[in-house]
Amino acid sequence: MLKFLPEDNDHVIAIKAIDCIEHEDHIALTAMLDKVTEGEKNFSLYFDVSEMTNWDVVEIFDEFMILLHNWGRFDRVAVVGVSEEEALAVKIMNLFVPGTLRFYGLSDEKKAQEWLDAVGE
């Protein structure tokens, strides 16, 4: 399940993944991002995967495709998680997408938010 989180900064979109993400969630997320970012530029994405379970290859591919589809709309993407596999997935995705994609451990959640808020300063 994906949930949009409240965010104080108007150029940051914050999303939290809870439990398992289904393919339908990715379709809904793409549609929502299209609507939220319509006509706007320079958004950053905060994506919390710390409560996500059961990653699989299809989900990782879907995440990658969402990043590619929306990359021109995002200056930065911060992924917050807890596992080495999540950090590795971010490193691999970063090789294929333009821009900046970073992984932060759950204890560095505030640093991730500060990094995203620093865009344009």
PDB file of N, CA and C in Angstrom:
ATOM      1  N   MET A   1       0.841  -1.176   0.000  1.00  0.00           N
ATOM      2  CA  MET A   1       0.000   0.000   0.000  1.00  0.00           C
ATOM      3  C   MET A   1       0.887   1.240   0.000  1.00  0.00           C
ATOM      4  N   LEU A   2       0.533   2.233  -0.757  1.00  0.00           N
ATOM      5  CA  LEU A   2       1.245   3.508  -0.804  1.00  0.00           C
ATOM      6  C   LEU A   2       0.379   4.591  -0.189  1.00  0.00           C
ATOM      7  N   LYS A   3       1.024   5.476   0.552  1.00  0.00           N
ATOM      8  CA  LYS A   3       0.294   6.540   1.243  1.00  0.00           C
ATOM      9  C   LYS A   3       1.051   7.849   1.066  1.00  0.00           C
ATOM     10  N   PHE A   4       0.353   8.898   0.642  1.00  0.00           N
ATOM     11  CA  PHE A   4       0.962  10.218   0.556  1.00  0.00           C
ATOM     12  C   PHE A   4       1.038  10.798   1.958  1.00  0.00           C
ATOM     13  N   LEU A   5       2.187  11.381   2.299  1.00  0.00           N
ATOM     14  CA  LEU A   5       2.412  11.959   3.615  1.00  0.00           C
ATOM     15  C   LEU A   5       2.342  13.475   3.537  1.00  0.00           C
ATOM     16  N   PRO A   6       1.925  14.115   4.634  1.00  0.00           N
ATOM     17  CA  PRO A   6       1.955  15.587   4.639  1.00  0.00           C
ATOM     18  C   PRO A   6       3.398  16.069   4.599  1.00  0.00           C
ATOM     19  N   GLU A   7       3.611  17.190   3.952  1.00  0.00           N
ATOM     20  CA  GLU A   7       4.969  17.725   3.805  1.00  0.00           C
ATOM     21  C   GLU A   7       4.896  19.231   3.939  1.00  0.00           C
ATOM     22  N   ASP A   8       5.802  19.809   4.728  1.00  0.00           N
ATOM     23  CA  ASP A   8       5.835  21.255   4.956  1.00  0.00           C
ATOM     24  C   ASP A   8       6.345  22.032   3.754  1.00  0.00           C
ATOM     25  N   ASN A   9       7.169  21.418   2.956  1.00  0.00           N
ATOM     26  CA  ASN A   9       7.783  22.090   1.825  1.00  0.00           C
ATOM     27  C   ASN A   9       6.948  21.814   0.572  1.00  0.00           C
ATOM     28  N   ASP A  10       6.558  22.855  -0.125  1.00  0.00           N
ATOM     29  CA  ASP A  10       5.652  22.674  -1.266  1.00  0.00           C
ATOM     30  C   ASP A  10       6.317  22.084  -2.504  1.00  0.00           C
ATOM     31  N   HIS A  11       7.643  21.925  -2.501  1.00  0.00           N
ATOM     32  CA  HIS A  11       8.288  21.300  -3.657  1.00  0.00           C
ATOM     33  C   HIS A  11       8.683  19.844  -3.380  1.00  0.00           C
ATOM     34  N   VAL A  12       8.246  19.294  -2.243  1.00  0.00           N
ATOM     35  CA  VAL A  12       8.562  17.909  -1.895  1.00  0.00           C
ATOM     36  C   VAL A  12       7.274  17.088  -1.866  1.00  0.00           C
ATOM     37  N   ILE A  13       7.298  15.968  -2.566  1.00  0.00           N
ATOM     38  CA  ILE A  13       6.206  14.992  -2.509  1.00  0.00           C
ATOM     39  C   ILE A  13       6.699  13.853  -1.628  1.00  0.00           C
ATOM     40  N   ALA A  14       5.924  13.519  -0.596  1.00  0.00           N
ATOM     41  CA  ALA A  14       6.343  12.491   0.353  1.00  0.00           C
ATOM     42  C   ALA A  14       5.395  11.296   0.281  1.00  0.00           C
ATOM     43  N   ILE A  15       5.977  10.107   0.136  1.00  0.00           N
ATOM     44  CA  ILE A  15       5.206   8.866  -0.004  1.00  0.00           C
ATOM     45  C   ILE A  15       5.785   7.818   0.934  1.00  0.00           C
ATOM     46  N   LYS A  16       4.914   7.018   1.530  1.00  0.00           N
ATOM     47  CA  LYS A  16       5.348   5.910   2.392  1.00  0.00           C
ATOM     48  C   LYS A  16       4.760   4.612   1.846  1.00  0.00           C
ATOM     49  N   ALA A  17       5.630   3.610   1.735  1.00  0.00           N
ATOM     50  CA  ALA A  17       5.192   2.270   1.331  1.00  0.00           C
ATOM     51  C   ALA A  17       4.973   1.452   2.601  1.00  0.00           C
ATOM     52  N   ILE A  18       3.822   0.814   2.700  1.00  0.00           N
ATOM     53  CA  ILE A  18       3.497   0.007   3.872  1.00  0.00           C
ATOM     54  C   ILE A  18       3.174  -1.405   3.405  1.00  0.00           C
ATOM     55  N   ASP A  19       3.789  -2.367   4.062  1.00  0.00           N
ATOM     56  CA  ASP A  19       3.627  -3.788   3.738  1.00  0.00           C
ATOM     57  C   ASP A  19       4.088  -4.060   2.313  1.00  0.00           C
ATOM     58  N   CYS A  20       3.230  -4.600   1.506  1.00  0.00           N
ATOM     59  CA  CYS A  20       3.584  -5.013   0.148  1.00  0.00           C
ATOM     60  C   CYS A  20       2.993  -4.038  -0.864  1.00  0.00           C
ATOM     61  N   ILE A  21       3.769  -3.704  -1.869  1.00  0.00           N
ATOM     62  CA  ILE A  21       3.273  -2.852  -2.948  1.00  0.00           C
ATOM     63  C   ILE A  21       2.882  -3.754  -4.106  1.00  0.00           C
ATOM     64  N   GLU A  22       1.687  -3.574  -4.580  1.00  0.00           N
ATOM     65  CA  GLU A  22       1.179  -4.346  -5.712  1.00  0.00           C
ATOM     66  C   GLU A  22       1.390  -3.545  -6.997  1.00  0.00           C
ATOM     67  N   HIS A  23       1.327  -4.235  -8.121  1.00  0.00           N
ATOM     68  CA  HIS A  23       1.476  -3.572  -9.416  1.00  0.00           C
ATOM     69  C   HIS A  23       0.432  -2.459  -9.573  1.00  0.00           C
ATOM     70  N   GLU A  24      -0.761  -2.684  -9.066  1.00  0.00           N
ATOM     71  CA  GLU A  24      -1.827  -1.687  -9.155  1.00  0.00           C
ATOM     72  C   GLU A  24      -1.456  -0.411  -8.400  1.00  0.00           C
ATOM     73  N   ASP A  25      -0.691  -0.556  -7.293  1.00  0.00           N
ATOM     74  CA  ASP A  25      -0.227   0.619  -6.553  1.00  0.00           C
ATOM     75  C   ASP A  25       0.678   1.478  -7.427  1.00  0.00           C
ATOM     76  N   HIS A  26       1.528   0.822  -8.218  1.00  0.00           N
ATOM     77  CA  HIS A  26       2.436   1.554  -9.104  1.00  0.00           C
ATOM     78  C   HIS A  26       1.667   2.310 -10.180  1.00  0.00           C
ATOM     79  N   ILE A  27       0.633   1.696 -10.693  1.00  0.00           N
ATOM     80  CA  ILE A  27      -0.198   2.367 -11.701  1.00  0.00           C
ATOM     81  C   ILE A  27      -0.881   3.582 -11.090  1.00  0.00           C
ATOM     82  N   ALA A  28      -1.442   3.413  -9.882  1.00  0.00           N
ATOM     83  CA  ALA A  28      -2.107   4.519  -9.194  1.00  0.00           C
ATOM     84  C   ALA A  28      -1.110   5.622  -8.841  1.00  0.00           C
ATOM     85  N   LEU A  29       0.102   5.237  -8.432  1.00  0.00           N
ATOM     86  CA  LEU A  29       1.129   6.210  -8.092  1.00  0.00           C
ATOM     87  C   LEU A  29       1.518   7.046  -9.309  1.00  0.00           C
ATOM     88  N   THR A  30       1.695   6.403 -10.437  1.00  0.00           N
ATOM     89  CA  THR A  30       2.046   7.134 -11.661  1.00  0.00           C
ATOM     90  C   THR A  30       0.959   8.143 -12.010  1.00  0.00           C
ATOM     91  N   ALA A  31      -0.303   7.725 -11.932  1.00  0.00           N
ATOM     92  CA  ALA A  31      -1.415   8.632 -12.226  1.00  0.00           C
ATOM     93  C   ALA A  31      -1.446   9.796 -11.239  1.00  0.00           C
ATOM     94  N   MET A  32      -1.219   9.514  -9.953  1.00  0.00           N
ATOM     95  CA  MET A  32      -1.227  10.560  -8.938  1.00  0.00           C
ATOM     96  C   MET A  32      -0.076  11.533  -9.154  1.00  0.00           C
ATOM     97  N   LEU A  33       1.116  11.030  -9.454  1.00  0.00           N
ATOM     98  CA  LEU A  33       2.258  11.914  -9.704  1.00  0.00           C
ATOM     99  C   LEU A  33       2.024  12.784 -10.934  1.00  0.00           C
ATOM    100  N   ASP A  34       1.401  12.205 -11.963  1.00  0.00           N
ATOM    101  CA  ASP A  34       1.071  12.989 -13.154  1.00  0.00           C
ATOM    102  C   ASP A  34       0.170  14.161 -12.784  1.00  0.00           C
ATOM    103  N   LYS A  35      -0.810  13.906 -11.933  1.00  0.00           N
ATOM    104  CA  LYS A  35      -1.757  14.950 -11.539  1.00  0.00           C
ATOM    105  C   LYS A  35      -1.101  15.988 -10.632  1.00  0.00           C
ATOM    106  N   VAL A  36      -0.346  15.534  -9.626  1.00  0.00           N
ATOM    107  CA  VAL A  36       0.272  16.437  -8.653  1.00  0.00           C
ATOM    108  C   VAL A  36       1.309  17.334  -9.304  1.00  0.00           C
ATOM    109  N   THR A  37       2.084  16.796 -10.232  1.00  0.00           N
ATOM    110  CA  THR A  37       3.182  17.560 -10.826  1.00  0.00           C
ATOM    111  C   THR A  37       2.794  18.257 -12.123  1.00  0.00           C
ATOM    112  N   GLU A  38       1.540  18.197 -12.503  1.00  0.00           N
ATOM    113  CA  GLU A  38       1.089  18.782 -13.758  1.00  0.00           C
ATOM    114  C   GLU A  38       1.412  20.272 -13.814  1.00  0.00           C
ATOM    115  N   GLY A  39       2.164  20.653 -14.827  1.00  0.00           N
ATOM    116  CA  GLY A  39       2.492  22.057 -15.037  1.00  0.00           C
ATOM    117  C   GLY A  39       3.544  22.610 -14.091  1.00  0.00           C
ATOM    118  N   GLU A  40       4.061  21.821 -13.212  1.00  0.00           N
ATOM    119  CA  GLU A  40       5.061  22.285 -12.254  1.00  0.00           C
ATOM    120  C   GLU A  40       6.417  21.690 -12.592  1.00  0.00           C
ATOM    121  N   LYS A  41       7.466  22.311 -12.072  1.00  0.00           N
ATOM    122  CA  LYS A  41       8.817  21.802 -12.238  1.00  0.00           C
ATOM    123  C   LYS A  41       9.479  21.706 -10.871  1.00  0.00           C
ATOM    124  N   ASN A  42      10.624  21.034 -10.837  1.00  0.00           N
ATOM    125  CA  ASN A  42      11.502  21.048  -9.678  1.00  0.00           C
ATOM    126  C   ASN A  42      10.883  20.502  -8.395  1.00  0.00           C
ATOM    127  N   PHE A  43      10.262  19.373  -8.487  1.00  0.00           N
ATOM    128  CA  PHE A  43       9.814  18.669  -7.300  1.00  0.00           C
ATOM    129  C   PHE A  43      10.915  17.736  -6.829  1.00  0.00           C
ATOM    130  N   SER A  44      10.878  17.420  -5.546  1.00  0.00           N
ATOM    131  CA  SER A  44      11.731  16.384  -4.984  1.00  0.00           C
ATOM    132  C   SER A  44      10.821  15.326  -4.396  1.00  0.00           C
ATOM    133  N   LEU A  45      11.311  14.099  -4.333  1.00  0.00           N
ATOM    134  CA  LEU A  45      10.501  12.980  -3.844  1.00  0.00           C
ATOM    135  C   LEU A  45      11.143  12.377  -2.610  1.00  0.00           C
ATOM    136  N   TYR A  46      10.357  12.270  -1.549  1.00  0.00           N
ATOM    137  CA  TYR A  46      10.748  11.575  -0.325  1.00  0.00           C
ATOM    138  C   TYR A  46       9.969  10.264  -0.327  1.00  0.00           C
ATOM    139  N   PHE A  47      10.684   9.129  -0.349  1.00  0.00           N
ATOM    140  CA  PHE A  47      10.025   7.823  -0.453  1.00  0.00           C
ATOM    141  C   PHE A  47      10.488   6.953   0.705  1.00  0.00           C
ATOM    142  N   ASP A  48       9.590   6.711   1.658  1.00  0.00           N
ATOM    143  CA  ASP A  48       9.895   5.919   2.851  1.00  0.00           C
ATOM    144  C   ASP A  48       9.482   4.472   2.600  1.00  0.00           C
ATOM    145  N   VAL A  49      10.462   3.581   2.542  1.00  0.00           N
ATOM    146  CA  VAL A  49      10.193   2.156   2.321  1.00  0.00           C
ATOM    147  C   VAL A  49      10.495   1.338   3.580  1.00  0.00           C
ATOM    148  N   SER A  50      10.636   2.013   4.730  1.00  0.00           N
ATOM    149  CA  SER A  50      11.061   1.346   5.963  1.00  0.00           C
ATOM    150  C   SER A  50      10.065   0.318   6.477  1.00  0.00           C
ATOM    151  N   GLU A  51       8.790   0.434   6.102  1.00  0.00           N
ATOM    152  CA  GLU A  51       7.781  -0.536   6.549  1.00  0.00           C
ATOM    153  C   GLU A  51       7.324  -1.456   5.413  1.00  0.00           C
ATOM    154  N   MET A  52       8.068  -1.452   4.344  1.00  0.00           N
ATOM    155  CA  MET A  52       7.716  -2.277   3.199  1.00  0.00           C
ATOM    156  C   MET A  52       8.274  -3.687   3.360  1.00  0.00           C
ATOM    157  N   THR A  53       7.502  -4.653   2.953  1.00  0.00           N
ATOM    158  CA  THR A  53       7.927  -6.047   3.016  1.00  0.00           C
ATOM    159  C   THR A  53       7.792  -6.672   1.629  1.00  0.00           C
ATOM    160  N   ASN A  54       8.461  -7.774   1.437  1.00  0.00           N
ATOM    161  CA  ASN A  54       8.287  -8.593   0.228  1.00  0.00           C
ATOM    162  C   ASN A  54       8.610  -7.884  -1.081  1.00  0.00           C
ATOM    163  N   TRP A  55       9.799  -7.282  -1.167  1.00  0.00           N
ATOM    164  CA  TRP A  55      10.251  -6.741  -2.445  1.00  0.00           C
ATOM    165  C   TRP A  55      10.439  -7.889  -3.421  1.00  0.00           C
ATOM    166  N   ASP A  56      10.102  -7.669  -4.667  1.00  0.00           N
ATOM    167  CA  ASP A  56      10.421  -8.662  -5.686  1.00  0.00           C
ATOM    168  C   ASP A  56      10.892  -7.945  -6.945  1.00  0.00           C
ATOM    169  N   VAL A  57      11.340  -8.698  -7.897  1.00  0.00           N
ATOM    170  CA  VAL A  57      11.927  -8.134  -9.111  1.00  0.00           C
ATOM    171  C   VAL A  57      10.924  -7.262  -9.868  1.00  0.00           C
ATOM    172  N   VAL A  58       9.677  -7.684  -9.936  1.00  0.00           N
ATOM    173  CA  VAL A  58       8.657  -6.910 -10.653  1.00  0.00           C
ATOM    174  C   VAL A  58       8.458  -5.556  -9.987  1.00  0.00           C
ATOM    175  N   GLU A  59       8.404  -5.533  -8.656  1.00  0.00           N
ATOM    176  CA  GLU A  59       8.221  -4.267  -7.948  1.00  0.00           C
ATOM    177  C   GLU A  59       9.415  -3.340  -8.171  1.00  0.00           C
ATOM    178  N   ILE A  60      10.612  -3.868  -8.113  1.00  0.00           N
ATOM    179  CA  ILE A  60      11.801  -3.045  -8.343  1.00  0.00           C
ATOM    180  C   ILE A  60      11.780  -2.478  -9.765  1.00  0.00           C
ATOM    181  N   PHE A  61      11.381  -3.284 -10.745  1.00  0.00           N
ATOM    182  CA  PHE A  61      11.277  -2.812 -12.119  1.00  0.00           C
ATOM    183  C   PHE A  61      10.220  -1.710 -12.224  1.00  0.00           C
ATOM    184  N   ASP A  62       9.071  -1.904 -11.557  1.00  0.00           N
ATOM    185  CA  ASP A  62       8.023  -0.883 -11.571  1.00  0.00           C
ATOM    186  C   ASP A  62       8.529   0.429 -10.974  1.00  0.00           C
ATOM    187  N   GLU A  63       9.255   0.355  -9.853  1.00  0.00           N
ATOM    188  CA  GLU A  63       9.821   1.559  -9.237  1.00  0.00           C
ATOM    189  C   GLU A  63      10.765   2.263 -10.211  1.00  0.00           C
ATOM    190  N   PHE A  64      11.601   1.494 -10.858  1.00  0.00           N
ATOM    191  CA  PHE A  64      12.550   2.034 -11.824  1.00  0.00           C
ATOM    192  C   PHE A  64      11.805   2.736 -12.959  1.00  0.00           C
ATOM    193  N   MET A  65      10.753   2.127 -13.466  1.00  0.00           N
ATOM    194  CA  MET A  65       9.993   2.719 -14.567  1.00  0.00           C
ATOM    195  C   MET A  65       9.288   4.002 -14.127  1.00  0.00           C
ATOM    196  N   ILE A  66       8.790   4.034 -12.893  1.00  0.00           N
ATOM    197  CA  ILE A  66       8.167   5.261 -12.379  1.00  0.00           C
ATOM    198  C   ILE A  66       9.208   6.374 -12.313  1.00  0.00           C
ATOM    199  N   LEU A  67      10.406   6.043 -11.825  1.00  0.00           N
ATOM    200  CA  LEU A  67      11.470   7.052 -11.781  1.00  0.00           C
ATOM    201  C   LEU A  67      11.798   7.570 -13.177  1.00  0.00           C
ATOM    202  N   LEU A  68      11.938   6.674 -14.130  1.00  0.00           N
ATOM    203  CA  LEU A  68      12.246   7.101 -15.494  1.00  0.00           C
ATOM    204  C   LEU A  68      11.129   7.962 -16.068  1.00  0.00           C
ATOM    205  N   HIS A  69       9.887   7.544 -15.863  1.00  0.00           N
ATOM    206  CA  HIS A  69       8.731   8.272 -16.392  1.00  0.00           C
ATOM    207  C   HIS A  69       8.646   9.685 -15.808  1.00  0.00           C
ATOM    208  N   ASN A  70       8.998   9.828 -14.526  1.00  0.00           N
ATOM    209  CA  ASN A  70       8.814  11.095 -13.826  1.00  0.00           C
ATOM    210  C   ASN A  70      10.101  11.867 -13.596  1.00  0.00           C
ATOM    211  N   TRP A  71      11.245  11.353 -14.073  1.00  0.00           N
ATOM    212  CA  TRP A  71      12.501  11.955 -13.657  1.00  0.00           C
ATOM    213  C   TRP A  71      12.608  13.435 -13.985  1.00  0.00           C
ATOM    214  N   GLY A  72      12.139  13.866 -15.109  1.00  0.00           N
ATOM    215  CA  GLY A  72      12.224  15.274 -15.462  1.00  0.00           C
ATOM    216  C   GLY A  72      11.503  16.171 -14.486  1.00  0.00           C
ATOM    217  N   ARG A  73      10.647  15.610 -13.674  1.00  0.00           N
ATOM    218  CA  ARG A  73       9.888  16.382 -12.690  1.00  0.00           C
ATOM    219  C   ARG A  73      10.573  16.443 -11.333  1.00  0.00           C
ATOM    220  N   PHE A  74      11.587  15.607 -11.109  1.00  0.00           N
ATOM    221  CA  PHE A  74      12.224  15.529  -9.794  1.00  0.00           C
ATOM    222  C   PHE A  74      13.674  15.992  -9.846  1.00  0.00           C
ATOM    223  N   ASP A  75      14.013  16.916  -8.946  1.00  0.00           N
ATOM    224  CA  ASP A  75      15.402  17.322  -8.790  1.00  0.00           C
ATOM    225  C   ASP A  75      16.167  16.262  -8.008  1.00  0.00           C
ATOM    226  N   ARG A  76      15.543  15.790  -6.945  1.00  0.00           N
ATOM    227  CA  ARG A  76      16.184  14.831  -6.050  1.00  0.00           C
ATOM    228  C   ARG A  76      15.156  13.793  -5.576  1.00  0.00           C
ATOM    229  N   VAL A  77      15.660  12.604  -5.310  1.00  0.00           N
ATOM    230  CA  VAL A  77      14.838  11.554  -4.718  1.00  0.00           C
ATOM    231  C   VAL A  77      15.604  11.005  -3.520  1.00  0.00           C
ATOM    232  N   ALA A  78      14.960  11.033  -2.346  1.00  0.00           N
ATOM    233  CA  ALA A  78      15.527  10.451  -1.133  1.00  0.00           C
ATOM    234  C   ALA A  78      14.697   9.231  -0.766  1.00  0.00           C
ATOM    235  N   VAL A  79      15.357   8.087  -0.673  1.00  0.00           N
ATOM    236  CA  VAL A  79      14.696   6.851  -0.272  1.00  0.00           C
ATOM    237  C   VAL A  79      15.151   6.541   1.145  1.00  0.00           C
ATOM    238  N   VAL A  80      14.195   6.372   2.054  1.00  0.00           N
ATOM    239  CA  VAL A  80      14.499   6.057   3.446  1.00  0.00           C
ATOM    240  C   VAL A  80      14.096   4.613   3.699  1.00  0.00           C
ATOM    241  N   GLY A  81      15.041   3.815   4.188  1.00  0.00           N
ATOM    242  CA  GLY A  81      14.750   2.409   4.419  1.00  0.00           C
ATOM    243  C   GLY A  81      15.609   1.822   5.511  1.00  0.00           C
ATOM    244  N   VAL A  82      15.547   0.496   5.632  1.00  0.00           N
ATOM    245  CA  VAL A  82      16.236  -0.167   6.733  1.00  0.00           C
ATOM    246  C   VAL A  82      17.151  -1.303   6.296  1.00  0.00           C
ATOM    247  N   SER A  83      17.076  -1.725   5.044  1.00  0.00           N
ATOM    248  CA  SER A  83      17.836  -2.919   4.668  1.00  0.00           C
ATOM    249  C   SER A  83      18.943  -2.613   3.653  1.00  0.00           C
ATOM    250  N   GLU A  84      19.916  -3.504   3.634  1.00  0.00           N
ATOM    251  CA  GLU A  84      21.008  -3.394   2.658  1.00  0.00           C
ATOM    252  C   GLU A  84      20.487  -3.601   1.239  1.00  0.00           C
ATOM    253  N   GLU A  85      19.462  -4.428   1.083  1.00  0.00           N
ATOM    254  CA  GLU A  85      18.886  -4.664  -0.249  1.00  0.00           C
ATOM    255  C   GLU A  85      18.263  -3.390  -0.803  1.00  0.00           C
ATOM    256  N   GLU A  86      17.598  -2.616   0.064  1.00  0.00           N
ATOM    257  CA  GLU A  86      16.999  -1.354  -0.377  1.00  0.00           C
ATOM    258  C   GLU A  86      18.093  -0.373  -0.799  1.00  0.00           C
ATOM    259  N   ALA A  87      19.161  -0.305  -0.007  1.00  0.00           N
ATOM    260  CA  ALA A  87      20.280   0.582  -0.347  1.00  0.00           C
ATOM    261  C   ALA A  87      20.912   0.173  -1.675  1.00  0.00           C
ATOM    262  N   LEU A  88      21.061  -1.120  -1.892  1.00  0.00           N
ATOM    263  CA  LEU A  88      21.627  -1.618  -3.148  1.00  0.00           C
ATOM    264  C   LEU A  88      20.717  -1.293  -4.328  1.00  0.00           C
ATOM    265  N   ALA A  89      19.412  -1.459  -4.153  1.00  0.00           N
ATOM    266  CA  ALA A  89      18.466  -1.137  -5.232  1.00  0.00           C
ATOM    267  C   ALA A  89      18.577   0.336  -5.625  1.00  0.00           C
ATOM    268  N   VAL A  90      18.738   1.223  -4.641  1.00  0.00           N
ATOM    269  CA  VAL A  90      18.887   2.651  -4.918  1.00  0.00           C
ATOM    270  C   VAL A  90      20.183   2.911  -5.682  1.00  0.00           C
ATOM    271  N   LYS A  91      21.270   2.270  -5.270  1.00  0.00           N
ATOM    272  CA  LYS A  91      22.545   2.445  -5.972  1.00  0.00           C
ATOM    273  C   LYS A  91      22.440   1.994  -7.426  1.00  0.00           C
ATOM    274  N   ILE A  92      21.776   0.880  -7.668  1.00  0.00           N
ATOM    275  CA  ILE A  92      21.623   0.376  -9.033  1.00  0.00           C
ATOM    276  C   ILE A  92      20.754   1.324  -9.853  1.00  0.00           C
ATOM    277  N   MET A  93      19.626   1.780  -9.289  1.00  0.00           N
ATOM    278  CA  MET A  93      18.753   2.710 -10.012  1.00  0.00           C
ATOM    279  C   MET A  93      19.490   3.998 -10.341  1.00  0.00           C
ATOM    280  N   ASN A  94      20.347   4.442  -9.436  1.00  0.00           N
ATOM    281  CA  ASN A  94      21.076   5.690  -9.634  1.00  0.00           C
ATOM    282  C   ASN A  94      22.005   5.630 -10.841  1.00  0.00           C
ATOM    283  N   LEU A  95      22.415   4.431 -11.240  1.00  0.00           N
ATOM    284  CA  LEU A  95      23.263   4.274 -12.423  1.00  0.00           C
ATOM    285  C   LEU A  95      22.506   4.562 -13.719  1.00  0.00           C
ATOM    286  N   PHE A  96      21.190   4.428 -13.685  1.00  0.00           N
ATOM    287  CA  PHE A  96      20.398   4.485 -14.913  1.00  0.00           C
ATOM    288  C   PHE A  96      19.506   5.706 -15.045  1.00  0.00           C
ATOM    289  N   VAL A  97      19.372   6.491 -13.996  1.00  0.00           N
ATOM    290  CA  VAL A  97      18.506   7.666 -14.081  1.00  0.00           C
ATOM    291  C   VAL A  97      19.354   8.923 -13.933  1.00  0.00           C
ATOM    292  N   PRO A  98      19.023   9.964 -14.668  1.00  0.00           N
ATOM    293  CA  PRO A  98      19.747  11.223 -14.498  1.00  0.00           C
ATOM    294  C   PRO A  98      19.326  11.878 -13.186  1.00  0.00           C
ATOM    295  N   GLY A  99      20.149  12.752 -12.659  1.00  0.00           N
ATOM    296  CA  GLY A  99      19.789  13.437 -11.423  1.00  0.00           C
ATOM    297  C   GLY A  99      20.370  12.736 -10.216  1.00  0.00           C
ATOM    298  N   THR A 100      19.816  13.056  -9.065  1.00  0.00           N
ATOM    299  CA  THR A 100      20.376  12.563  -7.819  1.00  0.00           C
ATOM    300  C   THR A 100      19.360  11.732  -7.054  1.00  0.00           C
ATOM    301  N   LEU A 101      19.763  10.538  -6.728  1.00  0.00           N
ATOM    302  CA  LEU A 101      18.956   9.581  -5.971  1.00  0.00           C
ATOM    303  C   LEU A 101      19.825   9.099  -4.816  1.00  0.00           C
ATOM    304  N   ARG A 102      19.340   9.254  -3.577  1.00  0.00           N
ATOM    305  CA  ARG A 102      20.129   8.859  -2.414  1.00  0.00           C
ATOM    306  C   ARG A 102      19.322   7.964  -1.482  1.00  0.00           C
ATOM    307  N   PHE A 103      20.045   7.060  -0.813  1.00  0.00           N
ATOM    308  CA  PHE A 103      19.443   6.204   0.203  1.00  0.00           C
ATOM    309  C   PHE A 103      19.860   6.704   1.585  1.00  0.00           C
ATOM    310  N   TYR A 104      18.897   6.723   2.503  1.00  0.00           N
ATOM    311  CA  TYR A 104      19.148   7.091   3.892  1.00  0.00           C
ATOM    312  C   TYR A 104      18.575   6.015   4.793  1.00  0.00           C
ATOM    313  N   GLY A 105      19.323   5.666   5.834  1.00  0.00           N
ATOM    314  CA  GLY A 105      18.800   4.760   6.840  1.00  0.00           C
ATOM    315  C   GLY A 105      17.729   5.462   7.652  1.00  0.00           C
ATOM    316  N   LEU A 106      16.912   4.694   8.334  1.00  0.00           N
ATOM    317  CA  LEU A 106      15.803   5.249   9.110  1.00  0.00           C
ATOM    318  C   LEU A 106      16.296   6.265  10.147  1.00  0.00           C
ATOM    319  N   SER A 107      17.470   6.034  10.710  1.00  0.00           N
ATOM    320  CA  SER A 107      18.008   6.968  11.712  1.00  0.00           C
ATOM    321  C   SER A 107      18.437   8.294  11.076  1.00  0.00           C
ATOM    322  N   ASP A 108      18.574   8.334   9.754  1.00  0.00           N
ATOM    323  CA  ASP A 108      18.966   9.553   9.034  1.00  0.00           C
ATOM    324  C   ASP A 108      17.797  10.206   8.299  1.00  0.00           C
ATOM    325  N   GLU A 109      16.592   9.889   8.725  1.00  0.00           N
ATOM    326  CA  GLU A 109      15.379  10.420   8.078  1.00  0.00           C
ATOM    327  C   GLU A 109      15.399  11.953   8.036  1.00  0.00           C
ATOM    328  N   LYS A 110      15.812  12.585   9.111  1.00  0.00           N
ATOM    329  CA  LYS A 110      15.859  14.051   9.148  1.00  0.00           C
ATOM    330  C   LYS A 110      16.875  14.596   8.136  1.00  0.00           C
ATOM    331  N   LYS A 111      18.012  13.916   7.985  1.00  0.00           N
ATOM    332  CA  LYS A 111      19.017  14.335   6.999  1.00  0.00           C
ATOM    333  C   LYS A 111      18.441  14.249   5.587  1.00  0.00           C
ATOM    334  N   ALA A 112      17.639  13.221   5.320  1.00  0.00           N
ATOM    335  CA  ALA A 112      17.011  13.081   4.008  1.00  0.00           C
ATOM    336  C   ALA A 112      16.079  14.254   3.735  1.00  0.00           C
ATOM    337  N   GLN A 113      15.282  14.611   4.726  1.00  0.00           N
ATOM    338  CA  GLN A 113      14.364  15.739   4.559  1.00  0.00           C
ATOM    339  C   GLN A 113      15.114  17.049   4.365  1.00  0.00           C
ATOM    340  N   GLU A 114      16.201  17.242   5.126  1.00  0.00           N
ATOM    341  CA  GLU A 114      17.003  18.461   4.990  1.00  0.00           C
ATOM    342  C   GLU A 114      17.643  18.541   3.607  1.00  0.00           C
ATOM    343  N   TRP A 115      18.114  17.403   3.086  1.00  0.00           N
ATOM    344  CA  TRP A 115      18.725  17.370   1.760  1.00  0.00           C
ATOM    345  C   TRP A 115      17.712  17.772   0.692  1.00  0.00           C
ATOM    346  N   LEU A 116      16.485  17.257   0.810  1.00  0.00           N
ATOM    347  CA  LEU A 116      15.448  17.616  -0.146  1.00  0.00           C
ATOM    348  C   LEU A 116      15.048  19.085  -0.023  1.00  0.00           C
ATOM    349  N   ASP A 117      14.959  19.592   1.206  1.00  0.00           N
ATOM    350  CA  ASP A 117      14.573  20.985   1.427  1.00  0.00           C
ATOM    351  C   ASP A 117      15.626  21.957   0.919  1.00  0.00           C
ATOM    352  N   ALA A 118      16.871  21.506   0.772  1.00  0.00           N
ATOM    353  CA  ALA A 118      17.971  22.378   0.356  1.00  0.00           C
ATOM    354  C   ALA A 118      17.961  22.694  -1.135  1.00  0.00           C
ATOM    355  N   VAL A 119      17.087  22.053  -1.903  1.00  0.00           N
ATOM    356  CA  VAL A 119      17.018  22.333  -3.344  1.00  0.00           C
ATOM    357  C   VAL A 119      16.672  23.796  -3.555  1.00  0.00           C
ATOM    358  N   GLY A 120      17.448  24.461  -4.367  1.00  0.00           N
ATOM    359  CA  GLY A 120      17.162  25.844  -4.713  1.00  0.00           C
ATOM    360  C   GLY A 120      17.706  26.864  -3.728  1.00  0.00           C
ATOM    361  N   GLU A 121      18.371  26.400  -2.675  1.00  0.00           N
ATOM    362  CA  GLU A 121      18.951  27.362  -1.715  1.00  0.00           C
ATOM    363  C   GLU A 121      20.246  27.925  -2.226  1.00  0.00           C
TER     364      GLU A 121
END
